[in-house]
Each structure stands twice: as structure tokens, then as C-alpha cells.
Amino acid sequence: MRLEMEGLNPLRRATPILLAGLLLLTAAPARADMTPTPPPSGIPTRSQQQYIQGVTATRAKEWSVAAAAFAKAVEIKPTYAEAWNGLGHALRNQGKYAESLKAYNEALRLRPDYSEALEYLGELGDALRGAAKGEPSAQKT
């Protein structure tokens, strides 16, 4: 009883931690398929519309169309990390490695913990190592 009065009850101290854990468990999972989350109004912004076009072209492996759409998205909204990452991905799949590196670096500058950009940057490194060894271009994904 004395512990409760002094605020040292272990359950009371654990409540904020339990609530935080519950929030993490119920949070929406990250989307690895590059599908943008629409804004609260449900109407995509112009940059999101371009991003959606880029994602659609990426799924169809239409790399130049995807790159153009992602480039337009970052022109409209230069802080759109996901669009920079998509641009890097599309450029890498066209063999435009230097431009791809710049796009990945910008995505990571905007969001340093962006796991997909880090993964794609690693794939770019693999492609560059293969090119340096004279191997055929790396597998394009």
C-alpha cells in the first residue's frame, strides 16, 4: 500500500511502456511495394499522382516512364524521399548508375533510416562491382 502512495507501484510505471508497445503492434506495417499512402483527404496531391504513375510503370518494368514520373514528383516536391528512391531504382535499371546514386543519396539525406533506399543502394554497389569486373549488367529488378 505504501508503494502505491509513493507512486512506485511497478504496474503504474509499466503502463506507459505497455501502451507504447500496444501502439507499435497496431501500427500499419511499412509498405515494401512502394505504394504511397494517400493524404487524409483521400485525394492524392500532384506529386503523389506522379509517384503513383512511377510505381505503376515500375511494376510494368517501363523504366524510362517510371524515371520520368518520379523525376516530375521530386520536381514538384523536392523533399519526397520515396520518389527519390523510386527515381534511383528506375535509373539503376536503365544502367544510369551515376544518376541513380545521386537519387539514392538524396532519398537517404531526406530519410537516413530509409531501409528500402539502403537496400537499393547496396544493389547499385553490386551492379557497379559487376560492371568494373566486365560482367554483364547486374540483374535488373
N, C-alpha and C. Protein backbone atom coordinates (compact mmCIF):
# COMPACT_ATOMS: atom_id res chain seq x y z
N MET A 1 0.82 -1.18 0.00
CA MET A 1 0.00 0.00 0.00
C MET A 1 0.87 1.25 0.00
N ARG A 2 1.92 1.21 0.75
CA ARG A 2 2.83 2.35 0.81
C ARG A 2 3.45 2.61 -0.57
N LEU A 3 3.76 1.53 -1.34
CA LEU A 3 4.34 1.69 -2.67
C LEU A 3 3.39 2.44 -3.61
N GLU A 4 2.10 2.14 -3.55
CA GLU A 4 1.14 2.83 -4.40
C GLU A 4 1.06 4.31 -4.04
N MET A 5 1.12 4.62 -2.78
CA MET A 5 1.00 6.00 -2.35
C MET A 5 2.20 6.82 -2.79
N GLU A 6 3.35 6.22 -2.88
CA GLU A 6 4.55 6.95 -3.28
C GLU A 6 4.75 6.92 -4.81
N GLY A 7 3.85 6.28 -5.53
CA GLY A 7 3.96 6.23 -6.98
C GLY A 7 5.00 5.25 -7.46
N LEU A 8 5.34 4.27 -6.66
CA LEU A 8 6.37 3.31 -7.05
C LEU A 8 5.79 1.96 -7.43
N ASN A 9 4.50 1.89 -7.59
CA ASN A 9 3.86 0.65 -7.98
C ASN A 9 4.40 0.24 -9.36
N PRO A 10 4.96 -0.96 -9.51
CA PRO A 10 5.55 -1.38 -10.78
C PRO A 10 4.56 -1.37 -11.94
N LEU A 11 3.30 -1.69 -11.68
CA LEU A 11 2.31 -1.67 -12.77
C LEU A 11 2.07 -0.25 -13.27
N ARG A 12 2.07 0.70 -12.37
CA ARG A 12 1.88 2.09 -12.77
C ARG A 12 3.04 2.59 -13.62
N ARG A 13 4.23 2.20 -13.24
CA ARG A 13 5.40 2.62 -14.01
C ARG A 13 5.43 1.94 -15.38
N ALA A 14 4.90 0.73 -15.47
CA ALA A 14 4.95 -0.02 -16.73
C ALA A 14 3.84 0.39 -17.70
N THR A 15 2.81 1.06 -17.23
CA THR A 15 1.68 1.40 -18.09
C THR A 15 2.08 2.18 -19.34
N PRO A 16 2.90 3.24 -19.25
CA PRO A 16 3.28 3.95 -20.50
C PRO A 16 4.04 3.05 -21.47
N ILE A 17 4.87 2.16 -20.95
CA ILE A 17 5.63 1.25 -21.82
C ILE A 17 4.68 0.27 -22.50
N LEU A 18 3.72 -0.25 -21.75
CA LEU A 18 2.75 -1.18 -22.32
C LEU A 18 1.91 -0.49 -23.39
N LEU A 19 1.51 0.74 -23.15
CA LEU A 19 0.72 1.48 -24.14
C LEU A 19 1.53 1.73 -25.41
N ALA A 20 2.79 2.09 -25.25
CA ALA A 20 3.65 2.31 -26.42
C ALA A 20 3.80 1.03 -27.22
N GLY A 21 3.98 -0.09 -26.54
CA GLY A 21 4.09 -1.38 -27.23
C GLY A 21 2.82 -1.73 -27.97
N LEU A 22 1.68 -1.46 -27.37
CA LEU A 22 0.40 -1.71 -28.00
C LEU A 22 0.24 -0.87 -29.26
N LEU A 23 0.67 0.39 -29.20
CA LEU A 23 0.59 1.25 -30.37
C LEU A 23 1.46 0.72 -31.50
N LEU A 24 2.65 0.22 -31.16
CA LEU A 24 3.54 -0.32 -32.18
C LEU A 24 2.95 -1.56 -32.83
N LEU A 25 2.28 -2.39 -32.04
CA LEU A 25 1.69 -3.61 -32.58
C LEU A 25 0.52 -3.32 -33.50
N THR A 26 -0.19 -2.25 -33.25
CA THR A 26 -1.37 -1.95 -34.05
C THR A 26 -1.07 -0.99 -35.20
N ALA A 27 0.16 -0.48 -35.27
CA ALA A 27 0.52 0.45 -36.34
C ALA A 27 0.51 -0.28 -37.67
N ALA A 28 0.22 0.45 -38.73
CA ALA A 28 0.22 -0.13 -40.07
C ALA A 28 1.63 -0.52 -40.46
N PRO A 29 1.81 -1.67 -41.08
CA PRO A 29 3.15 -2.10 -41.48
C PRO A 29 3.69 -1.23 -42.61
N ALA A 30 5.02 -1.16 -42.70
CA ALA A 30 5.65 -0.41 -43.79
C ALA A 30 5.34 -1.13 -45.10
N ARG A 31 5.19 -0.37 -46.17
CA ARG A 31 4.86 -0.95 -47.46
C ARG A 31 6.12 -1.08 -48.28
N ALA A 32 6.47 -2.30 -48.60
CA ALA A 32 7.66 -2.54 -49.39
C ALA A 32 7.38 -2.44 -50.88
N ASP A 33 6.12 -2.33 -51.26
CA ASP A 33 5.77 -2.31 -52.67
C ASP A 33 5.72 -0.90 -53.25
N MET A 34 6.21 0.09 -52.50
CA MET A 34 6.27 1.48 -52.93
C MET A 34 4.89 2.09 -53.17
N THR A 35 3.85 1.54 -52.59
CA THR A 35 2.51 2.10 -52.75
C THR A 35 2.38 3.28 -51.81
N PRO A 36 2.10 4.47 -52.32
CA PRO A 36 2.02 5.63 -51.46
C PRO A 36 0.77 5.62 -50.59
N THR A 37 0.89 6.21 -49.44
CA THR A 37 -0.25 6.38 -48.56
C THR A 37 -0.92 7.69 -48.96
N PRO A 38 -2.21 7.65 -49.31
CA PRO A 38 -2.86 8.89 -49.72
C PRO A 38 -2.98 9.86 -48.56
N PRO A 39 -3.06 11.14 -48.85
CA PRO A 39 -3.23 12.12 -47.78
C PRO A 39 -4.59 11.92 -47.10
N PRO A 40 -4.78 12.52 -45.93
CA PRO A 40 -6.03 12.32 -45.19
C PRO A 40 -7.29 12.63 -46.00
N SER A 41 -7.22 13.57 -46.91
CA SER A 41 -8.40 13.91 -47.69
C SER A 41 -8.78 12.81 -48.67
N GLY A 42 -7.85 11.89 -48.94
CA GLY A 42 -8.11 10.81 -49.88
C GLY A 42 -7.81 11.19 -51.32
N ILE A 43 -7.54 12.45 -51.58
CA ILE A 43 -7.23 12.91 -52.94
C ILE A 43 -5.71 13.09 -53.03
N PRO A 44 -5.06 12.29 -53.88
CA PRO A 44 -3.60 12.42 -53.98
C PRO A 44 -3.18 13.81 -54.46
N THR A 45 -2.07 14.28 -53.92
CA THR A 45 -1.50 15.55 -54.36
C THR A 45 -0.88 15.32 -55.74
N ARG A 46 -0.47 16.41 -56.39
CA ARG A 46 0.16 16.28 -57.72
C ARG A 46 1.41 15.42 -57.65
N SER A 47 2.22 15.62 -56.61
CA SER A 47 3.45 14.83 -56.51
C SER A 47 3.11 13.36 -56.28
N GLN A 48 2.08 13.08 -55.49
CA GLN A 48 1.67 11.69 -55.27
C GLN A 48 1.10 11.08 -56.54
N GLN A 49 0.40 11.87 -57.34
CA GLN A 49 -0.11 11.35 -58.61
C GLN A 49 1.06 10.91 -59.51
N GLN A 50 2.10 11.73 -59.55
CA GLN A 50 3.28 11.38 -60.34
C GLN A 50 3.96 10.14 -59.77
N TYR A 51 4.03 10.08 -58.44
CA TYR A 51 4.63 8.93 -57.78
C TYR A 51 3.85 7.65 -58.12
N ILE A 52 2.54 7.72 -58.08
CA ILE A 52 1.70 6.56 -58.41
C ILE A 52 1.96 6.12 -59.84
N GLN A 53 2.10 7.09 -60.76
CA GLN A 53 2.43 6.74 -62.15
C GLN A 53 3.78 6.05 -62.22
N GLY A 54 4.74 6.54 -61.43
CA GLY A 54 6.06 5.91 -61.40
C GLY A 54 6.00 4.49 -60.87
N VAL A 55 5.22 4.27 -59.83
CA VAL A 55 5.07 2.92 -59.26
C VAL A 55 4.43 1.99 -60.29
N THR A 56 3.41 2.48 -60.97
CA THR A 56 2.73 1.67 -62.00
C THR A 56 3.71 1.29 -63.10
N ALA A 57 4.50 2.24 -63.56
CA ALA A 57 5.49 1.97 -64.61
C ALA A 57 6.58 1.03 -64.09
N THR A 58 6.96 1.16 -62.82
CA THR A 58 7.96 0.27 -62.24
C THR A 58 7.47 -1.16 -62.25
N ARG A 59 6.22 -1.35 -61.85
CA ARG A 59 5.66 -2.71 -61.83
C ARG A 59 5.63 -3.31 -63.23
N ALA A 60 5.48 -2.47 -64.25
CA ALA A 60 5.47 -2.94 -65.64
C ALA A 60 6.89 -2.99 -66.23
N LYS A 61 7.89 -2.61 -65.41
CA LYS A 61 9.30 -2.56 -65.82
C LYS A 61 9.51 -1.61 -67.00
N GLU A 62 8.73 -0.55 -67.02
CA GLU A 62 8.89 0.52 -68.02
C GLU A 62 9.75 1.60 -67.37
N TRP A 63 11.06 1.37 -67.37
CA TRP A 63 11.99 2.15 -66.55
C TRP A 63 12.07 3.62 -66.96
N SER A 64 12.03 3.92 -68.26
CA SER A 64 12.13 5.33 -68.65
C SER A 64 10.86 6.09 -68.27
N VAL A 65 9.71 5.44 -68.40
CA VAL A 65 8.44 6.06 -68.00
C VAL A 65 8.44 6.28 -66.47
N ALA A 66 8.90 5.27 -65.74
CA ALA A 66 8.97 5.38 -64.28
C ALA A 66 9.90 6.51 -63.87
N ALA A 67 11.07 6.58 -64.49
CA ALA A 67 12.04 7.63 -64.14
C ALA A 67 11.45 9.01 -64.40
N ALA A 68 10.76 9.17 -65.52
CA ALA A 68 10.16 10.48 -65.83
C ALA A 68 9.10 10.86 -64.81
N ALA A 69 8.28 9.91 -64.40
CA ALA A 69 7.23 10.20 -63.41
C ALA A 69 7.83 10.54 -62.05
N PHE A 70 8.82 9.76 -61.61
CA PHE A 70 9.45 10.04 -60.32
C PHE A 70 10.19 11.38 -60.36
N ALA A 71 10.83 11.67 -61.49
CA ALA A 71 11.53 12.96 -61.63
C ALA A 71 10.55 14.12 -61.52
N LYS A 72 9.39 13.97 -62.10
CA LYS A 72 8.36 15.02 -62.00
C LYS A 72 7.88 15.15 -60.55
N ALA A 73 7.73 14.01 -59.87
CA ALA A 73 7.29 14.05 -58.47
C ALA A 73 8.29 14.82 -57.60
N VAL A 74 9.59 14.60 -57.80
CA VAL A 74 10.58 15.31 -56.97
C VAL A 74 10.75 16.75 -57.42
N GLU A 75 10.42 17.03 -58.67
CA GLU A 75 10.42 18.43 -59.13
C GLU A 75 9.32 19.20 -58.41
N ILE A 76 8.16 18.57 -58.27
CA ILE A 76 7.03 19.19 -57.59
C ILE A 76 7.29 19.28 -56.08
N LYS A 77 7.82 18.19 -55.52
CA LYS A 77 8.07 18.13 -54.07
C LYS A 77 9.48 17.59 -53.84
N PRO A 78 10.48 18.46 -53.75
CA PRO A 78 11.87 18.02 -53.61
C PRO A 78 12.17 17.23 -52.34
N THR A 79 11.29 17.25 -51.37
CA THR A 79 11.52 16.52 -50.11
C THR A 79 10.84 15.15 -50.10
N TYR A 80 10.41 14.65 -51.23
CA TYR A 80 9.68 13.39 -51.34
C TYR A 80 10.68 12.23 -51.43
N ALA A 81 11.10 11.72 -50.29
CA ALA A 81 12.14 10.68 -50.23
C ALA A 81 11.75 9.43 -51.03
N GLU A 82 10.50 9.03 -50.94
CA GLU A 82 10.06 7.82 -51.65
C GLU A 82 10.20 8.00 -53.16
N ALA A 83 9.90 9.20 -53.64
CA ALA A 83 10.03 9.45 -55.08
C ALA A 83 11.50 9.47 -55.50
N TRP A 84 12.37 10.03 -54.66
CA TRP A 84 13.81 10.00 -54.96
C TRP A 84 14.29 8.55 -55.03
N ASN A 85 13.81 7.71 -54.12
CA ASN A 85 14.20 6.31 -54.12
C ASN A 85 13.68 5.62 -55.38
N GLY A 86 12.44 5.89 -55.75
CA GLY A 86 11.90 5.31 -56.98
C GLY A 86 12.67 5.76 -58.20
N LEU A 87 13.07 7.03 -58.21
CA LEU A 87 13.87 7.55 -59.32
C LEU A 87 15.20 6.81 -59.40
N GLY A 88 15.84 6.63 -58.25
CA GLY A 88 17.11 5.89 -58.24
C GLY A 88 16.95 4.48 -58.76
N HIS A 89 15.86 3.82 -58.36
CA HIS A 89 15.59 2.45 -58.79
C HIS A 89 15.39 2.39 -60.30
N ALA A 90 14.59 3.31 -60.83
CA ALA A 90 14.34 3.32 -62.28
C ALA A 90 15.61 3.62 -63.07
N LEU A 91 16.41 4.57 -62.57
CA LEU A 91 17.66 4.91 -63.26
C LEU A 91 18.65 3.75 -63.21
N ARG A 92 18.74 3.08 -62.06
CA ARG A 92 19.65 1.94 -61.95
C ARG A 92 19.28 0.86 -62.95
N ASN A 93 17.99 0.63 -63.13
CA ASN A 93 17.54 -0.40 -64.05
C ASN A 93 17.70 0.00 -65.51
N GLN A 94 18.07 1.25 -65.76
CA GLN A 94 18.42 1.69 -67.11
C GLN A 94 19.94 1.72 -67.30
N GLY A 95 20.67 1.34 -66.25
CA GLY A 95 22.13 1.38 -66.31
C GLY A 95 22.71 2.76 -66.08
N LYS A 96 21.92 3.70 -65.62
CA LYS A 96 22.37 5.08 -65.36
C LYS A 96 22.82 5.17 -63.90
N TYR A 97 23.97 4.57 -63.64
CA TYR A 97 24.41 4.37 -62.26
C TYR A 97 24.76 5.66 -61.53
N ALA A 98 25.42 6.59 -62.18
CA ALA A 98 25.81 7.83 -61.51
C ALA A 98 24.56 8.63 -61.09
N GLU A 99 23.60 8.70 -62.01
CA GLU A 99 22.36 9.42 -61.69
C GLU A 99 21.57 8.69 -60.61
N SER A 100 21.59 7.37 -60.67
CA SER A 100 20.91 6.55 -59.67
C SER A 100 21.50 6.80 -58.28
N LEU A 101 22.82 6.84 -58.21
CA LEU A 101 23.50 7.09 -56.93
C LEU A 101 23.08 8.43 -56.34
N LYS A 102 23.00 9.45 -57.18
CA LYS A 102 22.58 10.78 -56.70
C LYS A 102 21.16 10.72 -56.13
N ALA A 103 20.27 10.01 -56.80
CA ALA A 103 18.88 9.92 -56.33
C ALA A 103 18.80 9.16 -55.01
N TYR A 104 19.51 8.04 -54.90
CA TYR A 104 19.51 7.29 -53.62
C TYR A 104 20.09 8.14 -52.50
N ASN A 105 21.18 8.84 -52.80
CA ASN A 105 21.78 9.70 -51.77
C ASN A 105 20.82 10.78 -51.30
N GLU A 106 20.04 11.33 -52.21
CA GLU A 106 19.06 12.35 -51.82
C GLU A 106 17.95 11.73 -50.97
N ALA A 107 17.49 10.55 -51.34
CA ALA A 107 16.47 9.86 -50.53
C ALA A 107 16.99 9.63 -49.12
N LEU A 108 18.25 9.22 -49.01
CA LEU A 108 18.84 8.95 -47.69
C LEU A 108 19.19 10.22 -46.94
N ARG A 109 19.46 11.29 -47.64
CA ARG A 109 19.68 12.57 -46.96
C ARG A 109 18.37 13.02 -46.30
N LEU A 110 17.28 12.81 -47.02
CA LEU A 110 15.97 13.20 -46.50
C LEU A 110 15.49 12.25 -45.41
N ARG A 111 15.81 10.97 -45.55
CA ARG A 111 15.37 9.96 -44.59
C ARG A 111 16.51 8.97 -44.36
N PRO A 112 17.43 9.29 -43.45
CA PRO A 112 18.63 8.47 -43.26
C PRO A 112 18.36 7.00 -42.89
N ASP A 113 17.22 6.71 -42.32
CA ASP A 113 16.92 5.33 -41.91
C ASP A 113 16.04 4.61 -42.93
N TYR A 114 15.97 5.10 -44.15
CA TYR A 114 15.09 4.55 -45.17
C TYR A 114 15.65 3.22 -45.67
N SER A 115 15.12 2.13 -45.15
CA SER A 115 15.68 0.79 -45.41
C SER A 115 15.64 0.40 -46.88
N GLU A 116 14.58 0.75 -47.59
CA GLU A 116 14.50 0.38 -49.00
C GLU A 116 15.57 1.09 -49.82
N ALA A 117 15.82 2.37 -49.52
CA ALA A 117 16.86 3.10 -50.23
C ALA A 117 18.23 2.51 -49.92
N LEU A 118 18.43 2.10 -48.67
CA LEU A 118 19.71 1.46 -48.32
C LEU A 118 19.88 0.14 -49.06
N GLU A 119 18.80 -0.62 -49.17
CA GLU A 119 18.85 -1.89 -49.89
C GLU A 119 19.18 -1.66 -51.36
N TYR A 120 18.47 -0.72 -51.98
CA TYR A 120 18.71 -0.43 -53.39
C TYR A 120 20.11 0.13 -53.63
N LEU A 121 20.61 0.90 -52.68
CA LEU A 121 21.98 1.42 -52.79
C LEU A 121 22.98 0.26 -52.79
N GLY A 122 22.71 -0.74 -51.96
CA GLY A 122 23.55 -1.95 -51.95
C GLY A 122 23.49 -2.67 -53.29
N GLU A 123 22.31 -2.74 -53.89
CA GLU A 123 22.17 -3.39 -55.20
C GLU A 123 22.92 -2.59 -56.26
N LEU A 124 22.92 -1.28 -56.12
CA LEU A 124 23.69 -0.45 -57.05
C LEU A 124 25.17 -0.76 -56.90
N GLY A 125 25.64 -0.90 -55.67
CA GLY A 125 27.04 -1.26 -55.44
C GLY A 125 27.39 -2.58 -56.09
N ASP A 126 26.49 -3.56 -55.98
CA ASP A 126 26.72 -4.86 -56.64
C ASP A 126 26.82 -4.69 -58.15
N ALA A 127 25.94 -3.87 -58.72
CA ALA A 127 25.95 -3.65 -60.16
C ALA A 127 27.24 -2.97 -60.60
N LEU A 128 27.71 -2.00 -59.80
CA LEU A 128 28.95 -1.30 -60.13
C LEU A 128 30.15 -2.22 -60.03
N ARG A 129 30.18 -3.08 -59.02
CA ARG A 129 31.28 -4.05 -58.90
C ARG A 129 31.27 -5.00 -60.09
N GLY A 130 30.08 -5.43 -60.50
CA GLY A 130 29.98 -6.32 -61.66
C GLY A 130 30.45 -5.63 -62.93
N ALA A 131 30.08 -4.37 -63.09
CA ALA A 131 30.50 -3.61 -64.27
C ALA A 131 32.01 -3.42 -64.27
N ALA A 132 32.59 -3.18 -63.10
CA ALA A 132 34.05 -2.98 -63.01
C ALA A 132 34.80 -4.27 -63.39
N LYS A 133 34.18 -5.42 -63.13
CA LYS A 133 34.81 -6.70 -63.45
C LYS A 133 34.52 -7.12 -64.89
N GLY A 134 33.75 -6.30 -65.62
CA GLY A 134 33.43 -6.62 -67.00
C GLY A 134 32.31 -7.62 -67.14
N GLU A 135 31.59 -7.86 -66.06
CA GLU A 135 30.46 -8.82 -66.12
C GLU A 135 29.28 -8.14 -66.80
N PRO A 136 28.40 -8.95 -67.36
CA PRO A 136 27.17 -8.36 -67.92
C PRO A 136 26.43 -7.59 -66.83
N SER A 137 25.59 -6.67 -67.26
CA SER A 137 24.91 -5.84 -66.27
C SER A 137 24.20 -6.68 -65.24
N ALA A 138 24.16 -6.16 -64.02
CA ALA A 138 23.54 -6.86 -62.92
C ALA A 138 22.07 -7.10 -63.20
N GLN A 139 21.53 -8.07 -62.50
CA GLN A 139 20.11 -8.38 -62.66
C GLN A 139 19.28 -7.14 -62.39
N LYS A 140 18.39 -6.84 -63.26
CA LYS A 140 17.56 -5.64 -63.11
C LYS A 140 16.23 -6.05 -62.49
N THR A 141 15.88 -5.31 -61.42
CA THR A 141 14.65 -5.63 -60.70
C THR A 141 13.74 -4.44 -60.66
